[in-house]
Amino acid sequence: MSLYRIVHTTTYRYRRPVTFAAHRLMFRPRDSFDQKLISSSFRVWPTQSAIRWSHDVFGNCVAEVSFSGAAQELRFETNLLVDHSPDAAPDFTIGQEALSYPVHYSPEEAPDLA
């Protein structure tokens, strides 16, 4: 087990106060067979008026942040603790049918591939 602390800050500064449209942020890593998100924190300046969490079609965690006022600085900060254990990776095997191109799929797989 290897634990990693990741701190990321993105800051935008403007010459005069500006208003902000909604922002879609993807700061959280996905869990997988070799990586687990242990803890996370997320802060935004100026204070957001609303935050909505969702997952996109690829399994990414997306935060949509809205703002109500104007500011001269916009800052996003994340603090993550991740367990990354590449030695836990499964041994994937490749089927014989996938070793030549083009790959021919079975009729049962067609609905999933569409």
N, C-alpha and C. Protein backbone atom coordinates (compact mmCIF):
# COMPACT_ATOMS: atom_id res chain seq x y z
N MET A 1 0.85 -1.18 0.00
CA MET A 1 0.00 0.00 0.00
C MET A 1 0.89 1.23 0.00
N SER A 2 0.61 2.15 -0.95
CA SER A 2 1.31 3.43 -1.03
C SER A 2 0.29 4.55 -0.91
N LEU A 3 0.40 5.36 0.13
CA LEU A 3 -0.51 6.49 0.33
C LEU A 3 0.12 7.75 -0.23
N TYR A 4 -0.67 8.49 -0.99
CA TYR A 4 -0.22 9.75 -1.56
C TYR A 4 -1.16 10.86 -1.13
N ARG A 5 -0.59 11.96 -0.66
CA ARG A 5 -1.36 13.18 -0.35
C ARG A 5 -1.18 14.09 -1.56
N ILE A 6 -2.28 14.50 -2.15
CA ILE A 6 -2.26 15.37 -3.33
C ILE A 6 -2.99 16.65 -2.97
N VAL A 7 -2.30 17.77 -3.08
CA VAL A 7 -2.91 19.08 -2.85
C VAL A 7 -2.79 19.85 -4.16
N HIS A 8 -3.92 20.30 -4.67
CA HIS A 8 -3.93 21.03 -5.94
C HIS A 8 -4.70 22.33 -5.76
N THR A 9 -4.10 23.42 -6.21
CA THR A 9 -4.76 24.73 -6.17
C THR A 9 -4.67 25.37 -7.54
N THR A 10 -5.81 25.84 -8.03
CA THR A 10 -5.86 26.62 -9.27
C THR A 10 -6.41 27.98 -8.91
N THR A 11 -5.69 29.04 -9.31
CA THR A 11 -6.10 30.41 -8.98
C THR A 11 -6.13 31.25 -10.24
N TYR A 12 -7.22 32.00 -10.41
CA TYR A 12 -7.35 32.97 -11.49
C TYR A 12 -7.49 34.35 -10.85
N ARG A 13 -6.74 35.33 -11.34
CA ARG A 13 -6.81 36.70 -10.83
C ARG A 13 -7.19 37.65 -11.96
N TYR A 14 -8.02 38.64 -11.64
CA TYR A 14 -8.53 39.58 -12.63
C TYR A 14 -8.24 41.01 -12.18
N ARG A 15 -8.11 41.91 -13.13
CA ARG A 15 -7.79 43.32 -12.82
C ARG A 15 -8.94 44.03 -12.11
N ARG A 16 -10.15 43.60 -12.40
CA ARG A 16 -11.32 44.20 -11.77
C ARG A 16 -12.31 43.07 -11.45
N PRO A 17 -13.28 43.31 -10.60
CA PRO A 17 -14.25 42.27 -10.27
C PRO A 17 -15.00 41.79 -11.52
N VAL A 18 -15.15 40.48 -11.61
CA VAL A 18 -15.88 39.87 -12.71
C VAL A 18 -16.91 38.92 -12.14
N THR A 19 -17.93 38.61 -12.93
CA THR A 19 -18.92 37.60 -12.53
C THR A 19 -18.53 36.28 -13.22
N PHE A 20 -18.97 35.19 -12.64
CA PHE A 20 -18.57 33.88 -13.12
C PHE A 20 -19.78 33.07 -13.57
N ALA A 21 -19.62 32.38 -14.67
CA ALA A 21 -20.61 31.40 -15.09
C ALA A 21 -20.37 30.13 -14.27
N ALA A 22 -21.26 29.17 -14.40
CA ALA A 22 -21.07 27.89 -13.70
C ALA A 22 -19.80 27.22 -14.22
N HIS A 23 -19.08 26.57 -13.33
CA HIS A 23 -17.85 25.84 -13.67
C HIS A 23 -18.07 24.35 -13.42
N ARG A 24 -17.61 23.51 -14.35
CA ARG A 24 -17.61 22.05 -14.18
C ARG A 24 -16.19 21.63 -13.83
N LEU A 25 -16.04 20.99 -12.67
CA LEU A 25 -14.72 20.65 -12.16
C LEU A 25 -14.59 19.14 -11.99
N MET A 26 -13.43 18.64 -12.33
CA MET A 26 -13.15 17.21 -12.20
C MET A 26 -11.84 17.05 -11.45
N PHE A 27 -11.90 17.18 -10.12
CA PHE A 27 -10.70 17.12 -9.28
C PHE A 27 -10.55 15.82 -8.52
N ARG A 28 -11.55 14.95 -8.53
CA ARG A 28 -11.48 13.70 -7.77
C ARG A 28 -11.07 12.56 -8.68
N PRO A 29 -10.06 11.79 -8.29
CA PRO A 29 -9.68 10.63 -9.11
C PRO A 29 -10.70 9.51 -8.96
N ARG A 30 -10.80 8.68 -10.00
CA ARG A 30 -11.70 7.53 -9.94
C ARG A 30 -11.06 6.40 -9.16
N ASP A 31 -11.89 5.65 -8.45
CA ASP A 31 -11.42 4.42 -7.82
C ASP A 31 -11.25 3.36 -8.91
N SER A 32 -10.30 2.48 -8.71
CA SER A 32 -10.10 1.36 -9.64
C SER A 32 -9.49 0.21 -8.86
N PHE A 33 -9.11 -0.84 -9.55
CA PHE A 33 -8.57 -2.01 -8.86
C PHE A 33 -7.28 -1.71 -8.12
N ASP A 34 -6.53 -0.69 -8.57
CA ASP A 34 -5.24 -0.39 -7.93
C ASP A 34 -5.21 0.97 -7.24
N GLN A 35 -6.35 1.65 -7.19
CA GLN A 35 -6.37 2.99 -6.60
C GLN A 35 -7.67 3.23 -5.86
N LYS A 36 -7.56 3.68 -4.62
CA LYS A 36 -8.73 3.98 -3.80
C LYS A 36 -8.60 5.38 -3.22
N LEU A 37 -9.67 6.14 -3.32
CA LEU A 37 -9.71 7.47 -2.72
C LEU A 37 -10.06 7.30 -1.25
N ILE A 38 -9.13 7.65 -0.36
CA ILE A 38 -9.32 7.50 1.08
C ILE A 38 -10.10 8.69 1.65
N SER A 39 -9.69 9.91 1.28
CA SER A 39 -10.40 11.10 1.76
C SER A 39 -10.19 12.23 0.76
N SER A 40 -11.10 13.19 0.80
CA SER A 40 -10.96 14.35 -0.07
C SER A 40 -11.67 15.55 0.56
N SER A 41 -11.12 16.71 0.27
CA SER A 41 -11.79 17.96 0.64
C SER A 41 -11.67 18.90 -0.54
N PHE A 42 -12.63 19.80 -0.64
CA PHE A 42 -12.74 20.68 -1.80
C PHE A 42 -13.21 22.04 -1.31
N ARG A 43 -12.46 23.09 -1.65
CA ARG A 43 -12.85 24.45 -1.24
C ARG A 43 -12.80 25.37 -2.45
N VAL A 44 -13.70 26.36 -2.44
CA VAL A 44 -13.82 27.31 -3.54
C VAL A 44 -13.90 28.72 -2.96
N TRP A 45 -13.18 29.66 -3.61
CA TRP A 45 -13.28 31.08 -3.29
C TRP A 45 -13.55 31.84 -4.57
N PRO A 46 -14.47 32.77 -4.65
CA PRO A 46 -15.36 33.20 -3.58
C PRO A 46 -16.33 32.07 -3.24
N THR A 47 -17.01 32.20 -2.14
CA THR A 47 -17.94 31.17 -1.70
C THR A 47 -18.97 30.92 -2.80
N GLN A 48 -19.18 29.66 -3.09
CA GLN A 48 -20.12 29.31 -4.15
C GLN A 48 -21.55 29.46 -3.66
N SER A 49 -22.45 29.79 -4.58
CA SER A 49 -23.86 29.87 -4.21
C SER A 49 -24.52 28.50 -4.28
N ALA A 50 -23.96 27.60 -5.09
CA ALA A 50 -24.50 26.24 -5.20
C ALA A 50 -23.41 25.32 -5.72
N ILE A 51 -23.46 24.07 -5.28
CA ILE A 51 -22.56 23.05 -5.80
C ILE A 51 -23.38 21.78 -6.00
N ARG A 52 -23.24 21.17 -7.16
CA ARG A 52 -24.00 19.96 -7.49
C ARG A 52 -23.01 18.90 -7.96
N TRP A 53 -23.04 17.73 -7.32
CA TRP A 53 -22.14 16.62 -7.66
C TRP A 53 -22.87 15.62 -8.54
N SER A 54 -22.16 15.09 -9.53
CA SER A 54 -22.73 14.05 -10.39
C SER A 54 -21.59 13.21 -10.96
N HIS A 55 -21.94 12.16 -11.69
CA HIS A 55 -20.96 11.34 -12.39
C HIS A 55 -21.27 11.43 -13.88
N ASP A 56 -20.23 11.57 -14.70
CA ASP A 56 -20.44 11.58 -16.14
C ASP A 56 -20.49 10.14 -16.65
N VAL A 57 -20.66 9.97 -17.96
CA VAL A 57 -20.82 8.64 -18.54
C VAL A 57 -19.56 7.78 -18.41
N PHE A 58 -18.41 8.40 -18.11
CA PHE A 58 -17.17 7.65 -17.97
C PHE A 58 -16.86 7.31 -16.51
N GLY A 59 -17.75 7.70 -15.58
CA GLY A 59 -17.54 7.40 -14.17
C GLY A 59 -16.76 8.46 -13.43
N ASN A 60 -16.48 9.60 -14.08
CA ASN A 60 -15.78 10.69 -13.41
C ASN A 60 -16.73 11.44 -12.49
N CYS A 61 -16.23 11.84 -11.34
CA CYS A 61 -17.00 12.64 -10.40
C CYS A 61 -16.87 14.11 -10.83
N VAL A 62 -18.01 14.75 -11.08
CA VAL A 62 -18.02 16.12 -11.60
C VAL A 62 -18.75 17.02 -10.62
N ALA A 63 -18.12 18.14 -10.28
CA ALA A 63 -18.77 19.15 -9.43
C ALA A 63 -19.13 20.33 -10.33
N GLU A 64 -20.38 20.74 -10.29
CA GLU A 64 -20.79 21.96 -11.00
C GLU A 64 -21.01 23.04 -9.96
N VAL A 65 -20.19 24.09 -10.06
CA VAL A 65 -20.19 25.15 -9.06
C VAL A 65 -20.77 26.42 -9.66
N SER A 66 -21.70 27.04 -8.95
CA SER A 66 -22.31 28.31 -9.38
C SER A 66 -21.94 29.40 -8.39
N PHE A 67 -21.88 30.62 -8.88
CA PHE A 67 -21.50 31.77 -8.06
C PHE A 67 -22.57 32.84 -8.18
N SER A 68 -22.72 33.66 -7.12
CA SER A 68 -23.76 34.69 -7.15
C SER A 68 -23.20 36.10 -7.27
N GLY A 69 -21.94 36.31 -6.93
CA GLY A 69 -21.42 37.67 -6.96
C GLY A 69 -20.20 37.81 -7.85
N ALA A 70 -19.60 38.99 -7.80
CA ALA A 70 -18.39 39.28 -8.57
C ALA A 70 -17.18 39.23 -7.64
N ALA A 71 -16.02 38.95 -8.22
CA ALA A 71 -14.78 38.91 -7.43
C ALA A 71 -13.59 39.13 -8.37
N GLN A 72 -12.46 39.48 -7.78
CA GLN A 72 -11.23 39.66 -8.55
C GLN A 72 -10.36 38.41 -8.55
N GLU A 73 -10.78 37.40 -7.77
CA GLU A 73 -10.01 36.15 -7.73
C GLU A 73 -10.98 34.98 -7.66
N LEU A 74 -10.61 33.91 -8.38
CA LEU A 74 -11.35 32.66 -8.35
C LEU A 74 -10.34 31.57 -8.03
N ARG A 75 -10.61 30.80 -6.96
CA ARG A 75 -9.64 29.79 -6.55
C ARG A 75 -10.35 28.49 -6.17
N PHE A 76 -9.76 27.38 -6.64
CA PHE A 76 -10.24 26.04 -6.32
C PHE A 76 -9.09 25.31 -5.63
N GLU A 77 -9.40 24.62 -4.53
CA GLU A 77 -8.37 23.88 -3.81
C GLU A 77 -8.91 22.51 -3.45
N THR A 78 -8.12 21.47 -3.77
CA THR A 78 -8.47 20.12 -3.38
C THR A 78 -7.35 19.52 -2.56
N ASN A 79 -7.73 18.66 -1.64
CA ASN A 79 -6.78 17.96 -0.79
C ASN A 79 -7.23 16.50 -0.78
N LEU A 80 -6.42 15.60 -1.35
CA LEU A 80 -6.79 14.21 -1.53
C LEU A 80 -5.81 13.29 -0.82
N LEU A 81 -6.31 12.17 -0.34
CA LEU A 81 -5.46 11.10 0.16
C LEU A 81 -5.85 9.86 -0.66
N VAL A 82 -4.87 9.31 -1.39
CA VAL A 82 -5.12 8.22 -2.32
C VAL A 82 -4.22 7.03 -1.97
N ASP A 83 -4.80 5.85 -1.98
CA ASP A 83 -4.04 4.60 -1.82
C ASP A 83 -3.82 4.04 -3.22
N HIS A 84 -2.58 4.01 -3.66
CA HIS A 84 -2.24 3.48 -4.99
C HIS A 84 -1.39 2.24 -4.80
N SER A 85 -1.92 1.09 -5.22
CA SER A 85 -1.24 -0.19 -5.04
C SER A 85 -1.18 -0.93 -6.37
N PRO A 86 -0.23 -0.58 -7.25
CA PRO A 86 -0.19 -1.21 -8.58
C PRO A 86 0.07 -2.70 -8.54
N ASP A 87 0.63 -3.21 -7.45
CA ASP A 87 0.88 -4.64 -7.35
C ASP A 87 -0.42 -5.43 -7.19
N ALA A 88 -1.53 -4.76 -6.95
CA ALA A 88 -2.82 -5.42 -6.80
C ALA A 88 -3.54 -5.57 -8.13
N ALA A 89 -2.88 -5.21 -9.22
CA ALA A 89 -3.51 -5.25 -10.54
C ALA A 89 -3.83 -6.69 -10.94
N PRO A 90 -5.02 -6.92 -11.47
CA PRO A 90 -5.35 -8.26 -11.93
C PRO A 90 -4.56 -8.61 -13.19
N ASP A 91 -4.42 -9.89 -13.45
CA ASP A 91 -3.71 -10.36 -14.63
C ASP A 91 -4.72 -10.52 -15.76
N PHE A 92 -4.85 -9.49 -16.60
CA PHE A 92 -5.80 -9.53 -17.70
C PHE A 92 -5.24 -10.38 -18.84
N THR A 93 -6.08 -11.22 -19.40
CA THR A 93 -5.66 -12.00 -20.57
C THR A 93 -6.45 -11.52 -21.77
N ILE A 94 -5.86 -11.67 -22.94
CA ILE A 94 -6.50 -11.23 -24.18
C ILE A 94 -6.99 -12.47 -24.92
N GLY A 95 -8.27 -12.46 -25.25
CA GLY A 95 -8.85 -13.58 -25.99
C GLY A 95 -8.25 -13.68 -27.39
N GLN A 96 -8.20 -14.89 -27.92
CA GLN A 96 -7.63 -15.11 -29.25
C GLN A 96 -8.32 -14.27 -30.32
N GLU A 97 -9.63 -14.09 -30.19
CA GLU A 97 -10.38 -13.32 -31.19
C GLU A 97 -9.99 -11.85 -31.22
N ALA A 98 -9.34 -11.35 -30.16
CA ALA A 98 -8.95 -9.94 -30.08
C ALA A 98 -7.51 -9.71 -30.53
N LEU A 99 -6.82 -10.76 -30.95
CA LEU A 99 -5.42 -10.61 -31.34
C LEU A 99 -5.25 -10.20 -32.79
N SER A 100 -6.31 -10.23 -33.58
CA SER A 100 -6.20 -9.79 -34.98
C SER A 100 -7.16 -8.63 -35.23
N TYR A 101 -6.82 -7.84 -36.22
CA TYR A 101 -7.62 -6.65 -36.56
C TYR A 101 -8.21 -6.84 -37.94
N PRO A 102 -9.43 -6.50 -38.20
CA PRO A 102 -10.39 -5.95 -37.24
C PRO A 102 -10.92 -7.04 -36.31
N VAL A 103 -11.30 -6.61 -35.12
CA VAL A 103 -11.83 -7.54 -34.13
C VAL A 103 -13.27 -7.87 -34.52
N HIS A 104 -13.61 -9.14 -34.47
CA HIS A 104 -14.98 -9.57 -34.76
C HIS A 104 -15.66 -9.93 -33.44
N TYR A 105 -16.77 -9.25 -33.20
CA TYR A 105 -17.50 -9.45 -31.96
C TYR A 105 -18.69 -10.38 -32.20
N SER A 106 -19.11 -11.02 -31.15
CA SER A 106 -20.26 -11.92 -31.25
C SER A 106 -21.55 -11.11 -31.32
N PRO A 107 -22.61 -11.70 -31.88
CA PRO A 107 -23.90 -10.98 -31.93
C PRO A 107 -24.42 -10.60 -30.54
N GLU A 108 -24.07 -11.37 -29.50
CA GLU A 108 -24.52 -11.04 -28.15
C GLU A 108 -23.87 -9.74 -27.63
N GLU A 109 -22.69 -9.41 -28.14
CA GLU A 109 -22.00 -8.20 -27.70
C GLU A 109 -22.44 -6.94 -28.43
N ALA A 110 -23.13 -7.09 -29.56
CA ALA A 110 -23.51 -5.94 -30.40
C ALA A 110 -24.32 -4.89 -29.64
N PRO A 111 -25.34 -5.26 -28.83
CA PRO A 111 -26.10 -4.21 -28.13
C PRO A 111 -25.22 -3.39 -27.18
N ASP A 112 -24.28 -4.04 -26.50
CA ASP A 112 -23.40 -3.31 -25.58
C ASP A 112 -22.46 -2.39 -26.33
N LEU A 113 -21.98 -2.82 -27.49
CA LEU A 113 -21.04 -2.01 -28.27
C LEU A 113 -21.72 -0.84 -28.96
N ALA A 114 -23.02 -0.97 -29.23
CA ALA A 114 -23.74 0.12 -29.89
C ALA A 114 -23.85 1.30 -28.95
